[in-house]
Amino acid sequence: MTKVKHIDLGLIDYKEAWDYQESLFAKNIQRKIDARNGFPVEPTENFLLSCEHPHVFTLGKSGDENHLLFNETFLSNIGASFYKINRGGDITYHGPGQLVVYPIFDLDYFFTDIHKYMRFLEEAVIRTLAEYGIKGDRYEGFTGVWLDVDKPTARKICAMGVKSSRWVTMHGIGFNINSDLDYFNYIVPCGIQNKGVTSLEKELGRTVEIAEVTEILKTKMAELFNFEFEA
């Protein structure tokens, strides 16, 4: 069975985590290139990184800067940073209380289908929410996980954006657990107008331990992707 190494990065600066992702991502890609060229190489590795970030807004490569509702001075005043990054998707927010998960997977171990990969990430979150008695769902035309998709109260609880090359993935999901939702007022989240955001804390009316949610999500991902974590 495929092995995945889980690394808990704790509360980590966004750029530091991004650089770490890039190093793992680049190493896997280089190994695949070398193997294709007939050089003896070690096999690629699969990682699942989990963390929280200080307040930060990130804009995907196809994002619209008009979805930033602030200037640099305001950004400084609210103690947040901003990065243009190399994932898909538009603008999103990360901050304390949000579970961020970055799978650095070589999909050759699983399946070479990015659409299916995104649906599996969504499904892992949906199954995690079910453990708390919450019905998560997909919203046609949008990525991520939503609640009450067929009602005017539709709201997003988990955003997603990934990058892949040679079937190696990076970036991933931002799952609102105990997030300060006020920070979403400073952007048009994921470029989607007139839709709300929520958190597990808001839905349950209580704070939830991020470590607890992380363990449940890890289990759901292992079941869906059929892998086991390294000891």
Protein backbone atom coordinates (compact mmCIF):
# COMPACT_ATOMS: atom_id res chain seq x y z
CA MET A 1 0.00 0.00 0.00
CA THR A 2 1.18 3.53 -0.79
CA LYS A 3 2.79 5.34 2.13
CA VAL A 4 2.24 9.02 2.97
CA LYS A 5 4.26 11.01 5.48
CA HIS A 6 2.25 13.47 7.57
CA ILE A 7 4.10 16.58 8.74
CA ASP A 8 2.45 19.02 11.13
CA LEU A 9 4.01 22.43 10.49
CA GLY A 10 2.04 24.15 13.27
CA LEU A 11 1.49 27.90 12.95
CA ILE A 12 3.83 28.87 10.14
CA ASP A 13 4.38 31.92 7.94
CA TYR A 14 2.71 31.42 4.55
CA LYS A 15 5.87 32.06 2.53
CA GLU A 16 7.90 29.65 4.65
CA ALA A 17 5.32 26.90 4.12
CA TRP A 18 5.11 27.72 0.40
CA ASP A 19 8.89 27.43 0.03
CA TYR A 20 8.84 24.09 1.84
CA GLN A 21 6.08 22.80 -0.43
CA GLU A 22 8.07 23.94 -3.46
CA SER A 23 11.17 22.05 -2.28
CA LEU A 24 9.25 18.76 -1.89
CA PHE A 25 7.37 19.35 -5.14
CA ALA A 26 10.56 20.11 -7.12
CA LYS A 27 12.39 17.09 -5.72
CA ASN A 28 9.60 14.75 -6.81
CA ILE A 29 9.43 16.27 -10.28
CA GLN A 30 13.20 16.01 -10.72
CA ARG A 31 13.13 12.36 -9.70
CA LYS A 32 10.45 11.67 -12.31
CA ILE A 33 12.45 13.48 -15.00
CA ASP A 34 15.61 11.58 -14.09
CA ALA A 35 13.77 8.25 -14.05
CA ARG A 36 12.30 8.94 -17.48
CA ASN A 37 15.80 9.66 -18.76
CA GLY A 38 17.05 6.34 -17.44
CA PHE A 39 19.04 7.59 -14.45
CA PRO A 40 18.98 5.55 -11.23
CA VAL A 41 16.89 7.51 -8.71
CA GLU A 42 15.01 7.00 -5.49
CA PRO A 43 11.21 6.75 -5.85
CA THR A 44 9.06 9.82 -5.40
CA GLU A 45 7.56 10.44 -1.98
CA ASN A 46 4.09 11.47 -0.83
CA PHE A 47 3.56 14.04 1.90
CA LEU A 48 0.55 15.51 3.67
CA LEU A 49 1.40 18.83 5.31
CA SER A 50 -0.99 20.37 7.83
CA CYS A 51 -0.68 23.81 9.40
CA GLU A 52 -2.21 27.15 10.28
CA HIS A 53 -1.02 30.49 8.94
CA PRO A 54 -0.93 34.01 10.36
CA HIS A 55 -3.46 36.25 8.60
CA VAL A 56 -2.73 36.16 4.86
CA PHE A 57 -4.56 36.65 1.57
CA THR A 58 -3.44 34.71 -1.50
CA LEU A 59 -4.38 35.28 -5.14
CA GLY A 60 -4.24 32.41 -7.62
CA LYS A 61 -2.63 32.78 -11.02
CA SER A 62 -5.99 33.27 -12.76
CA GLY A 63 -7.40 35.48 -10.00
CA ASP A 64 -8.77 38.99 -10.38
CA GLU A 65 -7.04 41.70 -8.35
CA ASN A 66 -10.35 43.58 -8.23
CA HIS A 67 -11.40 40.97 -5.69
CA LEU A 68 -8.95 42.55 -3.24
CA LEU A 69 -10.98 45.06 -1.27
CA PHE A 70 -8.05 46.78 0.45
CA ASN A 71 -4.78 48.64 -0.11
CA GLU A 72 -1.33 48.03 1.37
CA THR A 73 -1.86 50.45 4.25
CA PHE A 74 -5.08 48.75 5.28
CA LEU A 75 -3.39 45.36 4.96
CA SER A 76 -0.75 46.46 7.42
CA ASN A 77 -3.35 47.85 9.80
CA ILE A 78 -5.15 44.50 10.05
CA GLY A 79 -1.90 42.57 10.51
CA ALA A 80 -2.16 40.58 7.30
CA SER A 81 0.11 39.82 4.36
CA PHE A 82 -0.63 39.20 0.69
CA TYR A 83 0.90 36.92 -1.96
CA LYS A 84 0.28 36.21 -5.62
CA ILE A 85 0.83 32.48 -5.93
CA ASN A 86 0.99 29.67 -8.49
CA ARG A 87 -2.14 27.68 -7.68
CA GLY A 88 -5.43 27.67 -9.51
CA GLY A 89 -8.39 29.63 -8.22
CA ASP A 90 -8.98 33.23 -7.22
CA ILE A 91 -8.42 34.99 -3.90
CA THR A 92 -8.74 33.38 -0.50
CA TYR A 93 -7.87 33.95 3.12
CA HIS A 94 -5.84 31.86 5.57
CA GLY A 95 -5.44 32.61 9.24
CA PRO A 96 -5.29 31.21 12.76
CA GLY A 97 -8.11 28.76 13.41
CA GLN A 98 -8.19 27.53 9.80
CA LEU A 99 -6.87 24.06 9.03
CA VAL A 100 -4.67 24.24 5.94
CA VAL A 101 -3.69 20.96 4.27
CA TYR A 102 -1.15 20.61 1.49
CA PRO A 103 -0.93 17.19 -0.18
CA ILE A 104 2.35 16.77 -2.06
CA PHE A 105 1.20 13.65 -3.90
CA ASP A 106 2.57 11.84 -6.91
CA LEU A 107 -0.72 10.89 -8.52
CA ASP A 108 1.00 8.08 -10.42
CA TYR A 109 0.57 6.19 -7.14
CA PHE A 110 -3.16 6.82 -7.15
CA PHE A 111 -4.80 7.94 -10.42
CA THR A 112 -3.81 10.47 -13.06
CA ASP A 113 -6.95 12.59 -13.06
CA ILE A 114 -6.91 16.09 -11.55
CA HIS A 115 -10.70 16.41 -11.65
CA LYS A 116 -11.03 13.19 -9.65
CA TYR A 117 -8.29 14.38 -7.29
CA MET A 118 -10.23 17.57 -6.51
CA ARG A 119 -13.43 15.62 -5.94
CA PHE A 120 -11.59 13.28 -3.54
CA LEU A 121 -10.30 16.27 -1.54
CA GLU A 122 -13.85 17.61 -1.35
CA GLU A 123 -15.18 14.20 -0.35
CA ALA A 124 -12.66 13.91 2.49
CA VAL A 125 -13.92 17.22 3.92
CA ILE A 126 -17.56 16.23 3.39
CA ARG A 127 -16.98 13.01 5.31
CA THR A 128 -15.17 14.90 8.05
CA LEU A 129 -18.09 17.28 8.45
CA ALA A 130 -20.44 14.30 8.69
CA GLU A 131 -18.58 13.23 11.83
CA TYR A 132 -19.88 16.45 13.39
CA GLY A 133 -23.43 15.98 12.12
CA ILE A 134 -23.03 18.58 9.37
CA LYS A 135 -24.04 17.93 5.77
CA GLY A 136 -21.37 19.29 3.47
CA ASP A 137 -21.91 19.36 -0.27
CA ARG A 138 -20.51 20.35 -3.64
CA TYR A 139 -21.88 23.42 -5.36
CA GLU A 140 -22.17 22.95 -9.12
CA GLY A 141 -19.76 25.20 -10.95
CA PHE A 142 -17.60 25.89 -7.89
CA THR A 143 -14.83 24.01 -6.11
CA GLY A 144 -14.66 23.48 -2.37
CA VAL A 145 -17.23 22.36 0.18
CA TRP A 146 -20.46 24.19 0.92
CA LEU A 147 -23.47 24.04 3.23
CA ASP A 148 -27.11 24.51 2.20
CA VAL A 149 -26.28 24.67 -1.49
CA ASP A 150 -29.94 24.66 -2.52
CA LYS A 151 -30.87 27.61 -0.27
CA PRO A 152 -30.30 31.37 -0.23
CA THR A 153 -28.16 30.73 2.86
CA ALA A 154 -25.57 28.74 0.87
CA ARG A 155 -22.15 29.28 2.45
CA LYS A 156 -18.65 27.96 1.95
CA ILE A 157 -16.74 26.20 4.70
CA CYS A 158 -13.72 24.93 2.76
CA ALA A 159 -11.83 26.46 -0.17
CA MET A 160 -9.51 24.58 -2.51
CA GLY A 161 -6.83 25.41 -5.04
CA VAL A 162 -4.06 23.21 -6.38
CA LYS A 163 -1.12 23.13 -8.74
CA SER A 164 0.16 20.03 -10.53
CA SER A 165 3.02 19.15 -12.84
CA ARG A 166 3.93 15.69 -14.11
CA TRP A 167 1.10 14.48 -11.85
CA VAL A 168 2.75 15.86 -8.72
CA THR A 169 0.46 18.13 -6.66
CA MET A 170 0.92 21.02 -4.27
CA HIS A 171 -1.25 23.61 -2.49
CA GLY A 172 -4.58 22.22 -1.30
CA ILE A 173 -7.38 23.15 1.09
CA GLY A 174 -8.32 25.81 3.63
CA PHE A 175 -10.92 24.39 6.03
CA ASN A 176 -12.51 26.95 8.35
CA ILE A 177 -12.56 25.50 11.85
CA ASN A 178 -12.31 28.39 14.34
CA SER A 179 -11.52 31.07 11.77
CA ASP A 180 -12.10 34.79 12.32
CA LEU A 181 -14.65 35.17 9.54
CA ASP A 182 -14.42 38.97 9.60
CA TYR A 183 -11.28 38.71 7.44
CA PHE A 184 -13.38 37.37 4.57
CA ASN A 185 -15.11 40.77 4.45
CA TYR A 186 -11.92 42.25 3.01
CA ILE A 187 -12.08 40.15 -0.18
CA VAL A 188 -14.53 38.59 -2.62
CA PRO A 189 -13.82 35.03 -1.45
CA CYS A 190 -12.75 32.84 -4.37
CA GLY A 191 -14.15 35.54 -6.64
CA ILE A 192 -17.71 34.50 -5.81
CA GLN A 193 -20.13 37.37 -5.26
CA ASN A 194 -23.03 37.28 -2.80
CA LYS A 195 -22.15 33.97 -1.12
CA GLY A 196 -21.34 33.62 2.54
CA VAL A 197 -18.57 31.82 4.38
CA THR A 198 -18.79 29.87 7.59
CA SER A 199 -16.73 27.79 9.98
CA LEU A 200 -17.15 24.60 11.97
CA GLU A 201 -17.17 26.71 15.14
CA LYS A 202 -19.98 28.90 13.83
CA GLU A 203 -22.08 25.93 12.71
CA LEU A 204 -21.65 24.01 15.98
CA GLY A 205 -21.72 26.99 18.31
CA ARG A 206 -18.50 25.89 20.00
CA THR A 207 -14.76 25.88 19.49
CA VAL A 208 -13.32 22.71 17.97
CA GLU A 209 -9.78 21.44 18.46
CA ILE A 210 -7.95 21.67 15.13
CA ALA A 211 -5.84 18.63 16.06
CA GLU A 212 -9.05 16.62 16.38
CA VAL A 213 -10.30 17.70 12.95
CA THR A 214 -6.89 17.03 11.43
CA GLU A 215 -6.92 13.42 12.62
CA ILE A 216 -10.42 12.83 11.25
CA LEU A 217 -9.53 14.41 7.90
CA LYS A 218 -6.33 12.34 7.69
CA THR A 219 -8.36 9.17 8.23
CA LYS A 220 -10.89 10.10 5.55
CA MET A 221 -8.14 10.90 3.06
CA ALA A 222 -6.36 7.62 3.72
CA GLU A 223 -9.61 5.73 3.15
CA LEU A 224 -10.44 7.55 -0.09
CA PHE A 225 -6.96 7.48 -1.62
CA ASN A 226 -6.19 4.01 -0.22
CA PHE A 227 -2.91 4.83 1.48
CA GLU A 228 -1.48 4.51 4.97
CA PHE A 229 0.57 6.95 6.96
CA GLU A 230 4.18 6.25 7.79
CA ALA A 231 4.70 5.55 11.47
